[in-house]
Amino acid sequence: AVGLAYVSDWWINFVSLWRHISQLKRTARAIYVASLNHSIWFHIPHDPREWMLFVCDSPRAVAGRGLARASVYDIEGRLVATVNQECLMASRLAGG
């Protein structure tokens, strides 16, 4: 459970950024991303060293905040966990 919680908190925020990536590349602006809220529901036991499929989406990302969701499946297609995460997205100041 701990490994899956770490992995899910580490990167699913970035699904909220995908529409903004091309603009960030054009302007060469860096962005700061921070987790504001992370919830995970474990449905069945699973070893995080085993294969997992994360199906992610972001239903809303506006005004510097994003919501990311993920359904996590094992190799047999069973739902292992459901994850929700809210993030802060802000431009970094020059030199920071």
N, C-alpha and C. Protein backbone atom coordinates (compact mmCIF):
# COMPACT_ATOMS: atom_id res chain seq x y z
N ALA A 1 0.82 -1.20 0.00
CA ALA A 1 0.00 0.00 0.00
C ALA A 1 0.86 1.26 0.00
N VAL A 2 1.95 1.24 0.75
CA VAL A 2 2.80 2.42 0.86
C VAL A 2 3.45 2.74 -0.49
N GLY A 3 3.94 1.72 -1.20
CA GLY A 3 4.57 1.94 -2.50
C GLY A 3 3.60 2.52 -3.51
N LEU A 4 2.40 1.99 -3.55
CA LEU A 4 1.38 2.49 -4.47
C LEU A 4 1.00 3.92 -4.12
N ALA A 5 0.89 4.23 -2.84
CA ALA A 5 0.56 5.59 -2.42
C ALA A 5 1.66 6.56 -2.85
N TYR A 6 2.92 6.17 -2.70
CA TYR A 6 4.04 7.03 -3.11
C TYR A 6 4.02 7.27 -4.62
N VAL A 7 3.91 6.21 -5.39
CA VAL A 7 3.91 6.34 -6.85
C VAL A 7 2.75 7.22 -7.32
N SER A 8 1.57 7.02 -6.76
CA SER A 8 0.42 7.79 -7.21
C SER A 8 0.54 9.27 -6.84
N ASP A 9 1.14 9.57 -5.72
CA ASP A 9 1.31 10.97 -5.30
C ASP A 9 2.42 11.65 -6.08
N TRP A 10 3.36 10.89 -6.58
CA TRP A 10 4.53 11.46 -7.23
C TRP A 10 4.24 12.06 -8.59
N TRP A 11 3.34 11.47 -9.39
CA TRP A 11 3.25 11.94 -10.77
C TRP A 11 1.88 12.16 -11.37
N ILE A 12 0.78 11.74 -10.75
CA ILE A 12 -0.50 11.91 -11.47
C ILE A 12 -0.93 13.37 -11.60
N ASN A 13 -0.34 14.27 -10.83
CA ASN A 13 -0.63 15.70 -11.01
C ASN A 13 -0.39 16.17 -12.43
N PHE A 14 0.60 15.58 -13.07
CA PHE A 14 1.02 16.09 -14.37
C PHE A 14 0.00 15.88 -15.48
N VAL A 15 -1.00 15.03 -15.25
CA VAL A 15 -2.06 14.90 -16.24
C VAL A 15 -2.86 16.20 -16.35
N SER A 16 -2.87 17.00 -15.29
CA SER A 16 -3.55 18.30 -15.32
C SER A 16 -2.80 19.32 -16.16
N LEU A 17 -1.52 19.09 -16.43
CA LEU A 17 -0.69 20.04 -17.16
C LEU A 17 -0.67 19.85 -18.67
N TRP A 18 -1.10 18.71 -19.17
CA TRP A 18 -0.84 18.36 -20.57
C TRP A 18 -1.29 19.41 -21.57
N ARG A 19 -2.39 20.09 -21.33
CA ARG A 19 -2.85 21.13 -22.27
C ARG A 19 -1.98 22.37 -22.24
N HIS A 20 -1.19 22.53 -21.20
CA HIS A 20 -0.37 23.73 -21.02
C HIS A 20 1.07 23.55 -21.49
N ILE A 21 1.48 22.32 -21.79
CA ILE A 21 2.87 22.03 -22.12
C ILE A 21 3.36 22.81 -23.35
N SER A 22 2.58 22.83 -24.43
CA SER A 22 3.04 23.53 -25.64
C SER A 22 3.23 25.02 -25.38
N GLN A 23 2.34 25.63 -24.60
CA GLN A 23 2.49 27.05 -24.27
C GLN A 23 3.74 27.27 -23.43
N LEU A 24 4.00 26.39 -22.49
CA LEU A 24 5.19 26.53 -21.65
C LEU A 24 6.47 26.40 -22.48
N LYS A 25 6.45 25.52 -23.47
CA LYS A 25 7.62 25.37 -24.34
C LYS A 25 7.85 26.63 -25.17
N ARG A 26 6.78 27.24 -25.67
CA ARG A 26 6.90 28.46 -26.48
C ARG A 26 7.44 29.63 -25.67
N THR A 27 7.02 29.75 -24.44
CA THR A 27 7.42 30.89 -23.61
C THR A 27 8.64 30.60 -22.76
N ALA A 28 9.08 29.35 -22.75
CA ALA A 28 10.24 28.91 -21.95
C ALA A 28 10.05 29.22 -20.47
N ARG A 29 8.81 29.20 -20.02
CA ARG A 29 8.53 29.45 -18.60
C ARG A 29 8.48 28.14 -17.85
N ALA A 30 9.07 28.13 -16.69
CA ALA A 30 9.02 26.95 -15.83
C ALA A 30 7.75 27.01 -15.00
N ILE A 31 7.31 25.87 -14.55
CA ILE A 31 6.09 25.82 -13.74
C ILE A 31 6.36 25.02 -12.47
N TYR A 32 5.77 25.47 -11.41
CA TYR A 32 5.87 24.81 -10.11
C TYR A 32 4.58 24.02 -9.91
N VAL A 33 4.69 22.76 -9.54
CA VAL A 33 3.52 21.92 -9.30
C VAL A 33 3.63 21.35 -7.88
N ALA A 34 2.56 21.47 -7.12
CA ALA A 34 2.55 20.95 -5.75
C ALA A 34 1.22 20.25 -5.47
N SER A 35 1.30 19.18 -4.74
CA SER A 35 0.10 18.44 -4.35
C SER A 35 -0.60 19.18 -3.21
N LEU A 36 -1.89 19.41 -3.38
CA LEU A 36 -2.68 20.05 -2.33
C LEU A 36 -3.49 19.03 -1.53
N ASN A 37 -3.93 17.99 -2.22
CA ASN A 37 -4.78 16.99 -1.58
C ASN A 37 -4.62 15.69 -2.34
N HIS A 38 -4.44 14.61 -1.65
CA HIS A 38 -4.22 13.31 -2.29
C HIS A 38 -5.04 12.27 -1.53
N SER A 39 -5.94 11.61 -2.24
CA SER A 39 -6.77 10.57 -1.63
C SER A 39 -6.62 9.29 -2.43
N ILE A 40 -6.58 8.17 -1.73
CA ILE A 40 -6.45 6.88 -2.41
C ILE A 40 -7.33 5.86 -1.70
N TRP A 41 -8.05 5.10 -2.51
CA TRP A 41 -8.90 4.03 -2.01
C TRP A 41 -8.32 2.72 -2.53
N PHE A 42 -7.97 1.83 -1.61
CA PHE A 42 -7.44 0.52 -1.99
C PHE A 42 -8.60 -0.47 -2.06
N HIS A 43 -8.74 -1.14 -3.20
CA HIS A 43 -9.85 -2.06 -3.38
C HIS A 43 -9.46 -3.52 -3.16
N ILE A 44 -8.23 -3.88 -3.56
CA ILE A 44 -7.73 -5.23 -3.33
C ILE A 44 -6.24 -5.12 -3.00
N PRO A 45 -5.69 -6.09 -2.28
CA PRO A 45 -4.24 -6.06 -2.01
C PRO A 45 -3.45 -6.20 -3.31
N HIS A 46 -2.31 -5.49 -3.37
CA HIS A 46 -1.47 -5.55 -4.57
C HIS A 46 -0.04 -5.19 -4.20
N ASP A 47 0.90 -5.92 -4.77
CA ASP A 47 2.32 -5.64 -4.58
C ASP A 47 2.75 -4.58 -5.59
N PRO A 48 3.18 -3.39 -5.16
CA PRO A 48 3.52 -2.31 -6.10
C PRO A 48 4.74 -2.62 -6.96
N ARG A 49 5.46 -3.69 -6.67
CA ARG A 49 6.58 -4.09 -7.53
C ARG A 49 6.08 -4.83 -8.76
N GLU A 50 4.81 -5.22 -8.74
CA GLU A 50 4.19 -5.90 -9.87
C GLU A 50 3.62 -4.85 -10.84
N TRP A 51 3.33 -5.31 -12.05
CA TRP A 51 2.81 -4.45 -13.11
C TRP A 51 1.52 -3.77 -12.69
N MET A 52 1.39 -2.48 -13.02
CA MET A 52 0.17 -1.72 -12.77
C MET A 52 -0.12 -0.83 -13.97
N LEU A 53 -1.38 -0.67 -14.28
CA LEU A 53 -1.81 0.26 -15.32
C LEU A 53 -2.55 1.40 -14.64
N PHE A 54 -2.07 2.62 -14.85
CA PHE A 54 -2.74 3.81 -14.34
C PHE A 54 -3.52 4.43 -15.49
N VAL A 55 -4.83 4.52 -15.37
CA VAL A 55 -5.67 5.20 -16.36
C VAL A 55 -6.04 6.54 -15.73
N CYS A 56 -5.47 7.62 -16.30
CA CYS A 56 -5.58 8.94 -15.67
C CYS A 56 -6.34 9.92 -16.56
N ASP A 57 -7.01 10.85 -15.90
CA ASP A 57 -7.60 11.98 -16.61
C ASP A 57 -7.65 13.17 -15.67
N SER A 58 -7.93 14.33 -16.25
CA SER A 58 -8.06 15.55 -15.48
C SER A 58 -9.34 16.24 -15.93
N PRO A 59 -10.40 16.14 -15.14
CA PRO A 59 -11.66 16.75 -15.56
C PRO A 59 -11.66 18.28 -15.51
N ARG A 60 -10.70 18.85 -14.77
CA ARG A 60 -10.69 20.31 -14.65
C ARG A 60 -9.29 20.78 -14.25
N ALA A 61 -8.81 21.79 -14.96
CA ALA A 61 -7.54 22.45 -14.62
C ALA A 61 -7.67 23.90 -15.05
N VAL A 62 -7.84 24.79 -14.10
CA VAL A 62 -8.07 26.21 -14.39
C VAL A 62 -7.62 27.05 -13.20
N ALA A 63 -7.20 28.27 -13.48
CA ALA A 63 -6.84 29.25 -12.44
C ALA A 63 -5.78 28.72 -11.48
N GLY A 64 -4.82 27.99 -12.02
CA GLY A 64 -3.71 27.53 -11.20
C GLY A 64 -3.97 26.29 -10.36
N ARG A 65 -5.13 25.67 -10.55
CA ARG A 65 -5.43 24.44 -9.80
C ARG A 65 -5.92 23.37 -10.76
N GLY A 66 -5.57 22.14 -10.45
CA GLY A 66 -5.97 21.03 -11.30
C GLY A 66 -6.47 19.86 -10.47
N LEU A 67 -7.33 19.07 -11.07
CA LEU A 67 -7.81 17.85 -10.43
C LEU A 67 -7.41 16.68 -11.32
N ALA A 68 -6.74 15.71 -10.75
CA ALA A 68 -6.33 14.51 -11.48
C ALA A 68 -7.00 13.30 -10.84
N ARG A 69 -7.39 12.35 -11.71
CA ARG A 69 -8.00 11.11 -11.22
C ARG A 69 -7.28 9.94 -11.88
N ALA A 70 -7.22 8.83 -11.16
CA ALA A 70 -6.60 7.64 -11.74
C ALA A 70 -7.31 6.39 -11.23
N SER A 71 -7.48 5.45 -12.13
CA SER A 71 -7.90 4.10 -11.78
C SER A 71 -6.69 3.22 -12.01
N VAL A 72 -6.36 2.40 -11.03
CA VAL A 72 -5.16 1.58 -11.08
C VAL A 72 -5.58 0.12 -11.20
N TYR A 73 -5.07 -0.56 -12.24
CA TYR A 73 -5.43 -1.95 -12.52
C TYR A 73 -4.21 -2.85 -12.43
N ASP A 74 -4.44 -4.11 -12.07
CA ASP A 74 -3.35 -5.09 -12.09
C ASP A 74 -3.30 -5.76 -13.46
N ILE A 75 -2.39 -6.70 -13.64
CA ILE A 75 -2.20 -7.34 -14.94
C ILE A 75 -3.40 -8.18 -15.36
N GLU A 76 -4.23 -8.57 -14.40
CA GLU A 76 -5.44 -9.34 -14.70
C GLU A 76 -6.63 -8.43 -15.03
N GLY A 77 -6.43 -7.11 -14.95
CA GLY A 77 -7.50 -6.17 -15.26
C GLY A 77 -8.39 -5.84 -14.08
N ARG A 78 -7.98 -6.26 -12.88
CA ARG A 78 -8.77 -5.96 -11.68
C ARG A 78 -8.45 -4.56 -11.17
N LEU A 79 -9.47 -3.86 -10.71
CA LEU A 79 -9.27 -2.52 -10.15
C LEU A 79 -8.60 -2.66 -8.78
N VAL A 80 -7.39 -2.15 -8.68
CA VAL A 80 -6.59 -2.23 -7.46
C VAL A 80 -6.88 -1.04 -6.55
N ALA A 81 -6.93 0.16 -7.15
CA ALA A 81 -7.11 1.37 -6.35
C ALA A 81 -7.70 2.49 -7.22
N THR A 82 -8.28 3.47 -6.54
CA THR A 82 -8.78 4.68 -7.18
C THR A 82 -8.08 5.85 -6.48
N VAL A 83 -7.59 6.80 -7.28
CA VAL A 83 -6.81 7.92 -6.75
C VAL A 83 -7.41 9.24 -7.24
N ASN A 84 -7.50 10.21 -6.35
CA ASN A 84 -7.85 11.59 -6.70
C ASN A 84 -6.77 12.49 -6.13
N GLN A 85 -6.41 13.52 -6.90
CA GLN A 85 -5.39 14.44 -6.42
C GLN A 85 -5.67 15.84 -6.95
N GLU A 86 -5.59 16.81 -6.05
CA GLU A 86 -5.72 18.21 -6.43
C GLU A 86 -4.33 18.82 -6.38
N CYS A 87 -4.01 19.66 -7.38
CA CYS A 87 -2.68 20.25 -7.39
C CYS A 87 -2.72 21.75 -7.64
N LEU A 88 -1.65 22.39 -7.22
CA LEU A 88 -1.40 23.79 -7.48
C LEU A 88 -0.42 23.87 -8.63
N MET A 89 -0.70 24.73 -9.61
CA MET A 89 0.20 24.95 -10.75
C MET A 89 0.47 26.44 -10.84
N ALA A 90 1.73 26.84 -10.72
CA ALA A 90 2.07 28.25 -10.76
C ALA A 90 3.37 28.46 -11.52
N SER A 91 3.48 29.58 -12.20
CA SER A 91 4.72 29.92 -12.90
C SER A 91 5.80 30.21 -11.88
N ARG A 92 7.00 29.72 -12.19
CA ARG A 92 8.14 30.04 -11.32
C ARG A 92 8.65 31.43 -11.68
N LEU A 93 9.13 32.12 -10.68
CA LEU A 93 9.72 33.44 -10.92
C LEU A 93 11.07 33.27 -11.61
N ALA A 94 11.48 34.26 -12.38
CA ALA A 94 12.76 34.20 -13.07
C ALA A 94 13.88 33.97 -12.05
N GLY A 95 14.75 33.03 -12.38
CA GLY A 95 15.89 32.72 -11.51
C GLY A 95 15.55 31.85 -10.33
N GLY A 96 14.25 31.38 -10.23
CA GLY A 96 13.85 30.61 -9.05
C GLY A 96 13.58 29.23 -9.28
